[in-house]
Amino acid sequence: MKNVGGHFETWNTGILGPVALHGLDQGKWDLSWQKWTYQVGLKGEEMNLVSPNAFSSVEWMQGSLAVQRPQPLTWHKAHFNAPEGDEPLALDMQGMGKGQIWINGQSIGRYWTAYANGNCSGCNYAGAYRPPKCQLGCGQPTQRWYHVPRSWLKPTQNLLVLFEELGGNPSRISLVKRSVTSVCAEVTEYHPTIKNWQIESYGKPEEFHSPKAHLRCSPGHTISSIKFASFGTPLGTCGTYQQGACHATTSYDILQKKCIGQQKCTVAISNSNFGQDPCPNVMKRLSVEAVCSPTVSTTNWRG
């Protein structure tokens, strides 16, 4: 099917012929002048296989038999209960190929876990850019986890239906929670903000607004400790931060005072906020990694 190019609407597409069947009792059967049609959608969608309330005359095969004989263009279904908690959920589609997912009649969308090929042995951006440079994820699925909105789920008997185009093993599908154990923030001095952009755009003689670092844990979690904090010239990325040549000694104290015990916190990036300028005439930044832990509820008993 043509879908791009100049005047592609005038191009011939589809079955142009000649088309014939050979080997029939009547000999050759010419199909060139038959009516050829194209229909969008799947037969299973038309039969409403994805709805938990629909009646279907389809006879589903037992799961063990389906795993023994994985075939392309196959429908699968299963029921599951919603997990406790309020963490974000996702379907782990490892082991499957390519297809579509529905939960309780709602479309999650397409999935495609094709494995990426390449050379991930080294990374060097020197010289002209080429697509093979700095490849990542070699030998891993292009996408493995697919978000499931909790608002679509019932406490029990949720219907999962998927249409697999290539094959795969549906017994390897699992529903997983996303648990955030640490959060990071990295903000530089004079980091662009909307308020400062408006000052520059409209020429108003307003005071410069200091950029701020924002930390936020998942609902039901609070910041229990500061794993790393440095205002100056820290090195590395989230999870591998290290102090650089310039470091404000009050960095940890400021972050602990502002954030410990909070579900979210905000810290302004300015020399005055950290006591003094740790390295004048140097562009500084704040890098922070905080640990999130479940909120501990306390009960006050009165005698």
C-alpha atoms as a PDB file:
ATOM      1  CA  MET A   1       0.000   0.000   0.000  1.00  0.00           C
ATOM      2  CA  LYS A   2       1.550   3.275  -1.088  1.00  0.00           C
ATOM      3  CA  ASN A   3       1.379   6.033   1.489  1.00  0.00           C
ATOM      4  CA  VAL A   4       4.109   8.516   0.604  1.00  0.00           C
ATOM      5  CA  GLY A   5       5.469  10.347  -2.416  1.00  0.00           C
ATOM      6  CA  GLY A   6       4.370  12.922  -4.963  1.00  0.00           C
ATOM      7  CA  HIS A   7       0.923  12.153  -6.462  1.00  0.00           C
ATOM      8  CA  PHE A   8       0.936   8.723  -4.848  1.00  0.00           C
ATOM      9  CA  GLU A   9      -2.861   8.792  -5.005  1.00  0.00           C
ATOM     10  CA  THR A  10      -2.552   8.118  -8.738  1.00  0.00           C
ATOM     11  CA  TRP A  11      -0.329   5.051  -8.388  1.00  0.00           C
ATOM     12  CA  ASN A  12      -1.641   1.548  -8.947  1.00  0.00           C
ATOM     13  CA  THR A  13      -1.708  -0.478  -5.727  1.00  0.00           C
ATOM     14  CA  GLY A  14      -2.925  -3.773  -4.406  1.00  0.00           C
ATOM     15  CA  ILE A  15      -3.432  -6.977  -6.435  1.00  0.00           C
ATOM     16  CA  LEU A  16      -2.755  -6.029 -10.061  1.00  0.00           C
ATOM     17  CA  GLY A  17      -2.684  -9.561 -11.500  1.00  0.00           C
ATOM     18  CA  PRO A  18      -2.655 -11.809 -13.208  1.00  0.00           C
ATOM     19  CA  VAL A  19      -3.706 -14.086 -10.339  1.00  0.00           C
ATOM     20  CA  ALA A  20      -4.550 -17.735 -10.873  1.00  0.00           C
ATOM     21  CA  LEU A  21      -4.987 -20.943  -8.892  1.00  0.00           C
ATOM     22  CA  HIS A  22      -3.424 -24.079 -10.345  1.00  0.00           C
ATOM     23  CA  GLY A  23      -3.934 -27.726  -9.470  1.00  0.00           C
ATOM     24  CA  LEU A  24      -7.712 -27.666  -9.012  1.00  0.00           C
ATOM     25  CA  ASP A  25     -10.036 -30.312 -10.419  1.00  0.00           C
ATOM     26  CA  GLN A  26     -11.122 -27.788 -13.029  1.00  0.00           C
ATOM     27  CA  GLY A  27      -7.515 -26.920 -13.871  1.00  0.00           C
ATOM     28  CA  LYS A  28      -6.457 -23.268 -13.901  1.00  0.00           C
ATOM     29  CA  TRP A  29      -8.807 -20.781 -12.191  1.00  0.00           C
ATOM     30  CA  ASP A  30      -8.257 -17.134 -13.161  1.00  0.00           C
ATOM     31  CA  LEU A  31      -8.909 -14.755 -10.250  1.00  0.00           C
ATOM     32  CA  SER A  32      -7.582 -11.604 -11.901  1.00  0.00           C
ATOM     33  CA  TRP A  33     -11.013 -10.058 -12.388  1.00  0.00           C
ATOM     34  CA  GLN A  34     -12.470 -10.978  -9.019  1.00  0.00           C
ATOM     35  CA  LYS A  35     -13.446  -8.235  -6.578  1.00  0.00           C
ATOM     36  CA  TRP A  36     -10.470  -7.618  -4.231  1.00  0.00           C
ATOM     37  CA  THR A  37     -11.141  -5.776  -0.958  1.00  0.00           C
ATOM     38  CA  TYR A  38      -9.181  -4.566   2.052  1.00  0.00           C
ATOM     39  CA  GLN A  39     -10.663  -4.405   5.539  1.00  0.00           C
ATOM     40  CA  VAL A  40      -9.182  -2.584   8.548  1.00  0.00           C
ATOM     41  CA  GLY A  41      -9.215  -4.355  11.921  1.00  0.00           C
ATOM     42  CA  LEU A  42      -9.103  -7.880  13.289  1.00  0.00           C
ATOM     43  CA  LYS A  43     -11.786 -10.542  13.177  1.00  0.00           C
ATOM     44  CA  GLY A  44     -11.372 -10.998  16.918  1.00  0.00           C
ATOM     45  CA  GLU A  45     -12.173  -7.332  17.489  1.00  0.00           C
ATOM     46  CA  GLU A  46     -15.284  -7.679  15.353  1.00  0.00           C
ATOM     47  CA  MET A  47     -16.317 -10.686  17.487  1.00  0.00           C
ATOM     48  CA  ASN A  48     -15.628  -8.565  20.604  1.00  0.00           C
ATOM     49  CA  LEU A  49     -13.202 -11.068  22.118  1.00  0.00           C
ATOM     50  CA  VAL A  50     -11.573  -8.287  24.143  1.00  0.00           C
ATOM     51  CA  SER A  51     -14.664  -7.349  26.181  1.00  0.00           C
ATOM     52  CA  PRO A  52     -15.174  -8.988  29.598  1.00  0.00           C
ATOM     53  CA  ASN A  53     -18.963  -8.768  29.197  1.00  0.00           C
ATOM     54  CA  ALA A  54     -19.296 -10.096  25.668  1.00  0.00           C
ATOM     55  CA  PHE A  55     -20.620 -13.581  24.916  1.00  0.00           C
ATOM     56  CA  SER A  56     -18.361 -15.508  22.574  1.00  0.00           C
ATOM     57  CA  SER A  57     -18.806 -18.838  20.831  1.00  0.00           C
ATOM     58  CA  VAL A  58     -15.032 -19.201  20.454  1.00  0.00           C
ATOM     59  CA  GLU A  59     -13.521 -22.310  22.039  1.00  0.00           C
ATOM     60  CA  TRP A  60     -10.299 -21.266  23.750  1.00  0.00           C
ATOM     61  CA  MET A  61      -7.408 -23.753  23.956  1.00  0.00           C
ATOM     62  CA  GLN A  62      -5.928 -24.592  27.357  1.00  0.00           C
ATOM     63  CA  GLY A  63      -2.860 -22.529  28.232  1.00  0.00           C
ATOM     64  CA  SER A  64      -0.490 -25.494  28.493  1.00  0.00           C
ATOM     65  CA  LEU A  65      -1.364 -26.601  24.954  1.00  0.00           C
ATOM     66  CA  ALA A  66      -0.881 -23.070  23.599  1.00  0.00           C
ATOM     67  CA  VAL A  67       2.602 -22.892  25.122  1.00  0.00           C
ATOM     68  CA  GLN A  68       3.547 -26.254  23.623  1.00  0.00           C
ATOM     69  CA  ARG A  69       2.501 -25.109  20.175  1.00  0.00           C
ATOM     70  CA  PRO A  70       3.276 -21.367  19.871  1.00  0.00           C
ATOM     71  CA  GLN A  71       1.910 -20.093  16.579  1.00  0.00           C
ATOM     72  CA  PRO A  72       1.733 -16.698  14.880  1.00  0.00           C
ATOM     73  CA  LEU A  73      -1.577 -14.843  14.532  1.00  0.00           C
ATOM     74  CA  THR A  74      -2.958 -16.246  17.797  1.00  0.00           C
ATOM     75  CA  TRP A  75      -5.324 -14.821  20.423  1.00  0.00           C
ATOM     76  CA  HIS A  76      -4.544 -15.354  24.123  1.00  0.00           C
ATOM     77  CA  LYS A  77      -6.531 -14.462  27.240  1.00  0.00           C
ATOM     78  CA  ALA A  78      -6.101 -14.700  31.012  1.00  0.00           C
ATOM     79  CA  HIS A  79      -7.684 -13.328  34.198  1.00  0.00           C
ATOM     80  CA  PHE A  80      -5.793 -11.679  37.061  1.00  0.00           C
ATOM     81  CA  ASN A  81      -6.435  -9.780  40.290  1.00  0.00           C
ATOM     82  CA  ALA A  82      -5.224  -6.234  40.837  1.00  0.00           C
ATOM     83  CA  PRO A  83      -2.120  -6.090  43.083  1.00  0.00           C
ATOM     84  CA  GLU A  84      -2.277  -4.147  46.323  1.00  0.00           C
ATOM     85  CA  GLY A  85      -0.745  -0.694  46.697  1.00  0.00           C
ATOM     86  CA  ASP A  86      -0.728   2.357  44.469  1.00  0.00           C
ATOM     87  CA  GLU A  87       2.595   1.923  42.638  1.00  0.00           C
ATOM     88  CA  PRO A  88       2.537   2.272  38.832  1.00  0.00           C
ATOM     89  CA  LEU A  89       1.949  -1.039  37.041  1.00  0.00           C
ATOM     90  CA  ALA A  90       3.264  -2.453  33.777  1.00  0.00           C
ATOM     91  CA  LEU A  91       3.020  -5.657  31.774  1.00  0.00           C
ATOM     92  CA  ASP A  92       6.348  -7.396  31.297  1.00  0.00           C
ATOM     93  CA  MET A  93       6.024  -8.748  27.750  1.00  0.00           C
ATOM     94  CA  GLN A  94       9.348 -10.558  27.706  1.00  0.00           C
ATOM     95  CA  GLY A  95       9.027 -13.729  25.669  1.00  0.00           C
ATOM     96  CA  MET A  96       6.424 -12.336  23.278  1.00  0.00           C
ATOM     97  CA  GLY A  97       6.971 -10.960  19.789  1.00  0.00           C
ATOM     98  CA  LYS A  98       4.641  -8.346  18.324  1.00  0.00           C
ATOM     99  CA  GLY A  99       0.948  -7.641  18.730  1.00  0.00           C
ATOM    100  CA  GLN A 100      -1.766  -5.781  20.630  1.00  0.00           C
ATOM    101  CA  ILE A 101      -3.023  -5.829  24.249  1.00  0.00           C
ATOM    102  CA  TRP A 102      -6.428  -5.174  25.820  1.00  0.00           C
ATOM    103  CA  ILE A 103      -7.340  -5.088  29.527  1.00  0.00           C
ATOM    104  CA  ASN A 104     -11.036  -5.189  30.425  1.00  0.00           C
ATOM    105  CA  GLY A 105     -11.831  -4.111  26.870  1.00  0.00           C
ATOM    106  CA  GLN A 106      -9.463  -1.099  26.969  1.00  0.00           C
ATOM    107  CA  SER A 107      -6.608  -1.055  24.473  1.00  0.00           C
ATOM    108  CA  ILE A 108      -3.141  -0.829  26.013  1.00  0.00           C
ATOM    109  CA  GLY A 109      -1.803  -0.463  22.472  1.00  0.00           C
ATOM    110  CA  ARG A 110       0.746  -2.303  20.397  1.00  0.00           C
ATOM    111  CA  TYR A 111       3.740  -4.113  21.807  1.00  0.00           C
ATOM    112  CA  TRP A 112       6.899  -5.088  19.990  1.00  0.00           C
ATOM    113  CA  THR A 113       9.747  -6.750  21.864  1.00  0.00           C
ATOM    114  CA  ALA A 114      12.068  -7.247  18.896  1.00  0.00           C
ATOM    115  CA  TYR A 115      15.656  -7.605  20.096  1.00  0.00           C
ATOM    116  CA  ALA A 116      18.098  -4.846  19.143  1.00  0.00           C
ATOM    117  CA  ASN A 117      21.258  -5.812  17.271  1.00  0.00           C
ATOM    118  CA  GLY A 118      24.473  -3.815  17.114  1.00  0.00           C
ATOM    119  CA  ASN A 119      27.894  -3.254  18.600  1.00  0.00           C
ATOM    120  CA  CYS A 120      27.744  -1.967  22.165  1.00  0.00           C
ATOM    121  CA  SER A 121      31.361  -2.712  23.041  1.00  0.00           C
ATOM    122  CA  GLY A 122      32.519   0.923  23.033  1.00  0.00           C
ATOM    123  CA  CYS A 123      31.319   4.512  22.838  1.00  0.00           C
ATOM    124  CA  ASN A 124      33.225   7.415  21.280  1.00  0.00           C
ATOM    125  CA  TYR A 125      31.521  10.422  19.707  1.00  0.00           C
ATOM    126  CA  ALA A 126      34.763  11.811  18.230  1.00  0.00           C
ATOM    127  CA  GLY A 127      34.602  12.744  14.542  1.00  0.00           C
ATOM    128  CA  ALA A 128      31.584  12.879  12.267  1.00  0.00           C
ATOM    129  CA  TYR A 129      28.341  11.359  13.478  1.00  0.00           C
ATOM    130  CA  ARG A 130      27.442   7.902  12.198  1.00  0.00           C
ATOM    131  CA  PRO A 131      24.426   5.782  13.234  1.00  0.00           C
ATOM    132  CA  PRO A 132      26.603   2.920  14.582  1.00  0.00           C
ATOM    133  CA  LYS A 133      28.256   5.226  17.147  1.00  0.00           C
ATOM    134  CA  CYS A 134      27.494   4.623  20.828  1.00  0.00           C
ATOM    135  CA  GLN A 135      24.858   1.966  20.397  1.00  0.00           C
ATOM    136  CA  LEU A 136      22.996   0.920  23.528  1.00  0.00           C
ATOM    137  CA  GLY A 137      20.777  -1.978  24.512  1.00  0.00           C
ATOM    138  CA  CYS A 138      22.322  -4.577  22.212  1.00  0.00           C
ATOM    139  CA  GLY A 139      20.698  -7.961  22.743  1.00  0.00           C
ATOM    140  CA  GLN A 140      17.840  -6.393  24.740  1.00  0.00           C
ATOM    141  CA  PRO A 141      14.171  -5.918  23.764  1.00  0.00           C
ATOM    142  CA  THR A 142      13.408  -2.615  22.068  1.00  0.00           C
ATOM    143  CA  GLN A 143      10.600  -2.229  24.636  1.00  0.00           C
ATOM    144  CA  ARG A 144       9.783  -4.707  27.378  1.00  0.00           C
ATOM    145  CA  TRP A 145       7.376  -2.995  29.844  1.00  0.00           C
ATOM    146  CA  TYR A 146       3.972  -1.495  28.912  1.00  0.00           C
ATOM    147  CA  HIS A 147       2.086   0.775  31.323  1.00  0.00           C
ATOM    148  CA  VAL A 148      -1.235  -0.415  32.797  1.00  0.00           C
ATOM    149  CA  PRO A 149      -3.435   2.364  34.271  1.00  0.00           C
ATOM    150  CA  ARG A 150      -4.712   1.297  37.688  1.00  0.00           C
ATOM    151  CA  SER A 151      -7.990   3.099  36.962  1.00  0.00           C
ATOM    152  CA  TRP A 152      -8.766   0.380  34.386  1.00  0.00           C
ATOM    153  CA  LEU A 153      -8.534  -2.437  36.934  1.00  0.00           C
ATOM    154  CA  LYS A 154     -11.092  -4.104  39.188  1.00  0.00           C
ATOM    155  CA  PRO A 155     -10.106  -5.750  42.466  1.00  0.00           C
ATOM    156  CA  THR A 156     -10.522  -9.227  40.910  1.00  0.00           C
ATOM    157  CA  GLN A 157     -11.168 -10.989  37.600  1.00  0.00           C
ATOM    158  CA  ASN A 158      -9.502  -8.511  35.250  1.00  0.00           C
ATOM    159  CA  LEU A 159      -9.468  -9.763  31.666  1.00  0.00           C
ATOM    160  CA  LEU A 160      -6.198  -9.636  29.716  1.00  0.00           C
ATOM    161  CA  VAL A 161      -6.473 -10.340  25.982  1.00  0.00           C
ATOM    162  CA  LEU A 162      -3.662 -10.122  23.477  1.00  0.00           C
ATOM    163  CA  PHE A 163      -3.220 -10.847  19.796  1.00  0.00           C
ATOM    164  CA  GLU A 164       0.238 -12.198  18.985  1.00  0.00           C
ATOM    165  CA  GLU A 165       1.444 -11.852  15.392  1.00  0.00           C
ATOM    166  CA  LEU A 166       4.781 -13.684  15.503  1.00  0.00           C
ATOM    167  CA  GLY A 167       4.581 -16.399  18.180  1.00  0.00           C
ATOM    168  CA  GLY A 168       6.015 -16.174  21.684  1.00  0.00           C
ATOM    169  CA  ASN A 169       5.389 -17.754  25.057  1.00  0.00           C
ATOM    170  CA  PRO A 170       2.465 -16.106  26.953  1.00  0.00           C
ATOM    171  CA  SER A 171       3.360 -17.962  30.177  1.00  0.00           C
ATOM    172  CA  ARG A 172       6.298 -15.538  30.582  1.00  0.00           C
ATOM    173  CA  ILE A 173       4.033 -12.461  30.746  1.00  0.00           C
ATOM    174  CA  SER A 174       3.863 -10.874  34.218  1.00  0.00           C
ATOM    175  CA  LEU A 175       2.368  -7.804  35.887  1.00  0.00           C
ATOM    176  CA  VAL A 176       5.051  -5.806  37.704  1.00  0.00           C
ATOM    177  CA  LYS A 177       5.151  -2.793  40.023  1.00  0.00           C
ATOM    178  CA  ARG A 178       7.459   0.166  39.573  1.00  0.00           C
ATOM    179  CA  SER A 179       9.036   0.934  42.927  1.00  0.00           C
ATOM    180  CA  VAL A 180      11.147   4.105  43.126  1.00  0.00           C
ATOM    181  CA  THR A 181      13.848   3.739  45.782  1.00  0.00           C
ATOM    182  CA  SER A 182      15.834   6.874  44.923  1.00  0.00           C
ATOM    183  CA  VAL A 183      15.346  10.136  43.056  1.00  0.00           C
ATOM    184  CA  CYS A 184      17.876  12.562  41.580  1.00  0.00           C
ATOM    185  CA  ALA A 185      17.979  16.216  40.591  1.00  0.00           C
ATOM    186  CA  GLU A 186      20.625  18.237  38.790  1.00  0.00           C
ATOM    187  CA  VAL A 187      20.239  21.991  38.230  1.00  0.00           C
ATOM    188  CA  THR A 188      22.809  24.651  37.317  1.00  0.00           C
ATOM    189  CA  GLU A 189      23.071  28.296  38.270  1.00  0.00           C
ATOM    190  CA  TYR A 190      21.087  30.551  35.957  1.00  0.00           C
ATOM    191  CA  HIS A 191      19.187  27.503  34.723  1.00  0.00           C
ATOM    192  CA  PRO A 192      16.511  28.794  32.285  1.00  0.00           C
ATOM    193  CA  THR A 193      13.055  29.121  33.825  1.00  0.00           C
ATOM    194  CA  ILE A 194       9.747  30.407  32.490  1.00  0.00           C
ATOM    195  CA  LYS A 195       9.809  33.421  34.804  1.00  0.00           C
ATOM    196  CA  ASN A 196      13.317  34.406  33.748  1.00  0.00           C
ATOM    197  CA  TRP A 197      12.424  33.864  30.090  1.00  0.00           C
ATOM    198  CA  GLN A 198       9.514  36.271  30.498  1.00  0.00           C
ATOM    199  CA  ILE A 199      11.849  38.878  32.051  1.00  0.00           C
ATOM    200  CA  GLU A 200      14.204  38.597  29.093  1.00  0.00           C
ATOM    201  CA  SER A 201      11.431  38.528  26.492  1.00  0.00           C
ATOM    202  CA  TYR A 202       9.478  41.525  27.726  1.00  0.00           C
ATOM    203  CA  GLY A 203      12.391  43.572  29.050  1.00  0.00           C
ATOM    204  CA  LYS A 204      10.851  44.044  32.474  1.00  0.00           C
ATOM    205  CA  PRO A 205      13.281  45.240  35.181  1.00  0.00           C
ATOM    206  CA  GLU A 206      12.331  42.407  37.522  1.00  0.00           C
ATOM    207  CA  GLU A 207      14.494  40.453  39.899  1.00  0.00           C
ATOM    208  CA  PHE A 208      16.165  37.300  38.603  1.00  0.00           C
ATOM    209  CA  HIS A 209      14.446  34.160  39.927  1.00  0.00           C
ATOM    210  CA  SER A 210      16.861  31.538  41.207  1.00  0.00           C
ATOM    211  CA  PRO A 211      16.378  28.112  39.635  1.00  0.00           C
ATOM    212  CA  LYS A 212      15.261  25.340  41.975  1.00  0.00           C
ATOM    213  CA  ALA A 213      15.948  21.640  42.348  1.00  0.00           C
ATOM    214  CA  HIS A 214      12.817  19.533  42.875  1.00  0.00           C
ATOM    215  CA  LEU A 215      12.786  16.096  44.501  1.00  0.00           C
ATOM    216  CA  ARG A 216       9.638  13.968  44.691  1.00  0.00           C
ATOM    217  CA  CYS A 217       9.074  10.413  45.923  1.00  0.00           C
ATOM    218  CA  SER A 218       6.188   8.181  44.883  1.00  0.00           C
ATOM    219  CA  PRO A 219       2.909   8.457  46.828  1.00  0.00           C
ATOM    220  CA  GLY A 220       3.207   6.703  50.176  1.00  0.00           C
ATOM    221  CA  HIS A 221       6.983   7.269  50.299  1.00  0.00           C
ATOM    222  CA  THR A 222       9.101  10.002  51.896  1.00  0.00           C
ATOM    223  CA  ILE A 223      12.736  11.050  51.643  1.00  0.00           C
ATOM    224  CA  SER A 224      14.561   9.083  54.338  1.00  0.00           C
ATOM    225  CA  SER A 225      18.171  10.076  53.600  1.00  0.00           C
ATOM    226  CA  ILE A 226      20.382  12.084  51.275  1.00  0.00           C
ATOM    227  CA  LYS A 227      22.729   9.692  49.483  1.00  0.00           C
ATOM    228  CA  PHE A 228      24.646  12.449  47.695  1.00  0.00           C
ATOM    229  CA  ALA A 229      24.571  16.252  47.652  1.00  0.00           C
ATOM    230  CA  SER A 230      27.064  18.691  46.220  1.00  0.00           C
ATOM    231  CA  PHE A 231      26.761  22.335  45.232  1.00  0.00           C
ATOM    232  CA  GLY A 232      29.797  23.179  43.096  1.00  0.00           C
ATOM    233  CA  THR A 233      31.202  21.103  40.243  1.00  0.00           C
ATOM    234  CA  PRO A 234      30.066  17.530  40.970  1.00  0.00           C
ATOM    235  CA  LEU A 235      30.882  14.729  38.535  1.00  0.00           C
ATOM    236  CA  GLY A 236      28.987  11.735  37.187  1.00  0.00           C
ATOM    237  CA  THR A 237      25.308  11.016  36.676  1.00  0.00           C
ATOM    238  CA  CYS A 238      22.414   9.814  38.832  1.00  0.00           C
ATOM    239  CA  GLY A 239      23.594   6.802  40.802  1.00  0.00           C
ATOM    240  CA  THR A 240      27.293   7.552  40.230  1.00  0.00           C
ATOM    241  CA  TYR A 241      27.665  11.137  41.507  1.00  0.00           C
ATOM    242  CA  GLN A 242      31.067  12.178  42.896  1.00  0.00           C
ATOM    243  CA  GLN A 243      32.384  15.391  44.404  1.00  0.00           C
ATOM    244  CA  GLY A 244      34.364  17.605  42.054  1.00  0.00           C
ATOM    245  CA  ALA A 245      37.121  20.113  42.732  1.00  0.00           C
ATOM    246  CA  CYS A 246      34.534  22.639  43.944  1.00  0.00           C
ATOM    247  CA  HIS A 247      32.135  21.599  46.724  1.00  0.00           C
ATOM    248  CA  ALA A 248      30.101  23.545  49.298  1.00  0.00           C
ATOM    249  CA  THR A 249      30.557  21.862  52.675  1.00  0.00           C
ATOM    250  CA  THR A 250      26.987  22.771  53.684  1.00  0.00           C
ATOM    251  CA  SER A 251      25.447  20.814  50.796  1.00  0.00           C
ATOM    252  CA  TYR A 252      24.349  17.811  52.855  1.00  0.00           C
ATOM    253  CA  ASP A 253      23.087  19.895  55.755  1.00  0.00           C
ATOM    254  CA  ILE A 254      20.917  22.085  53.522  1.00  0.00           C
ATOM    255  CA  LEU A 255      19.346  19.124  51.715  1.00  0.00           C
ATOM    256  CA  GLN A 256      18.741  17.157  54.898  1.00  0.00           C
ATOM    257  CA  LYS A 257      17.089  20.130  56.583  1.00  0.00           C
ATOM    258  CA  LYS A 258      14.839  20.817  53.588  1.00  0.00           C
ATOM    259  CA  CYS A 259      13.945  17.290  52.517  1.00  0.00           C
ATOM    260  CA  ILE A 260      14.220  14.585  55.190  1.00  0.00           C
ATOM    261  CA  GLY A 261      10.760  13.286  56.092  1.00  0.00           C
ATOM    262  CA  GLN A 262       9.094  15.031  53.128  1.00  0.00           C
ATOM    263  CA  GLN A 263       7.373  13.401  50.163  1.00  0.00           C
ATOM    264  CA  LYS A 264       8.666  16.272  48.000  1.00  0.00           C
ATOM    265  CA  CYS A 265      10.950  19.239  48.534  1.00  0.00           C
ATOM    266  CA  THR A 266      12.419  22.229  46.700  1.00  0.00           C
ATOM    267  CA  VAL A 267      15.865  23.806  47.089  1.00  0.00           C
ATOM    268  CA  ALA A 268      16.854  27.120  45.494  1.00  0.00           C
ATOM    269  CA  ILE A 269      20.176  27.200  43.622  1.00  0.00           C
ATOM    270  CA  SER A 270      22.079  30.208  44.926  1.00  0.00           C
ATOM    271  CA  ASN A 271      25.330  30.999  46.745  1.00  0.00           C
ATOM    272  CA  SER A 272      23.456  32.576  49.669  1.00  0.00           C
ATOM    273  CA  ASN A 273      21.440  29.413  50.212  1.00  0.00           C
ATOM    274  CA  PHE A 274      24.644  27.389  50.728  1.00  0.00           C
ATOM    275  CA  GLY A 275      26.420  29.881  53.004  1.00  0.00           C
ATOM    276  CA  GLN A 276      29.019  31.252  50.609  1.00  0.00           C
ATOM    277  CA  ASP A 277      30.350  30.895  47.083  1.00  0.00           C
ATOM    278  CA  PRO A 278      32.537  27.747  47.118  1.00  0.00           C
ATOM    279  CA  CYS A 279      34.349  28.741  43.910  1.00  0.00           C
ATOM    280  CA  PRO A 280      33.904  32.306  42.572  1.00  0.00           C
ATOM    281  CA  ASN A 281      33.749  32.903  38.826  1.00  0.00           C
ATOM    282  CA  VAL A 282      32.838  29.266  38.163  1.00  0.00           C
ATOM    283  CA  MET A 283      29.457  28.076  36.897  1.00  0.00           C
ATOM    284  CA  LYS A 284      28.133  25.835  39.668  1.00  0.00           C
ATOM    285  CA  ARG A 285      25.378  23.242  39.846  1.00  0.00           C
ATOM    286  CA  LEU A 286      23.604  21.199  42.479  1.00  0.00           C
ATOM    287  CA  SER A 287      23.504  17.416  42.090  1.00  0.00           C
ATOM    288  CA  VAL A 288      21.393  15.434  44.561  1.00  0.00           C
ATOM    289  CA  GLU A 289      20.421  11.796  45.039  1.00  0.00           C
ATOM    290  CA  ALA A 290      17.839  11.063  47.743  1.00  0.00           C
ATOM    291  CA  VAL A 291      16.574   7.733  49.081  1.00  0.00           C
ATOM    292  CA  CYS A 292      12.808   7.144  49.196  1.00  0.00           C
ATOM    293  CA  SER A 293      11.299   4.836  51.822  1.00  0.00           C
ATOM    294  CA  PRO A 294       7.708   3.837  52.666  1.00  0.00           C
ATOM    295  CA  THR A 295       6.033   6.318  54.977  1.00  0.00           C
ATOM    296  CA  VAL A 296       5.768   4.969  58.512  1.00  0.00           C
ATOM    297  CA  SER A 297       2.415   5.793  60.059  1.00  0.00           C
ATOM    298  CA  THR A 298       2.273   6.374  63.823  1.00  0.00           C
ATOM    299  CA  THR A 299      -0.687   6.170  66.169  1.00  0.00           C
ATOM    300  CA  ASN A 300      -0.925   8.261  69.332  1.00  0.00           C
ATOM    301  CA  TRP A 301      -2.544   6.398  72.219  1.00  0.00           C
ATOM    302  CA  ARG A 302      -4.194   8.353  74.983  1.00  0.00           C
ATOM    303  CA  GLY A 303      -4.558   6.720  78.394  1.00  0.00           C
END
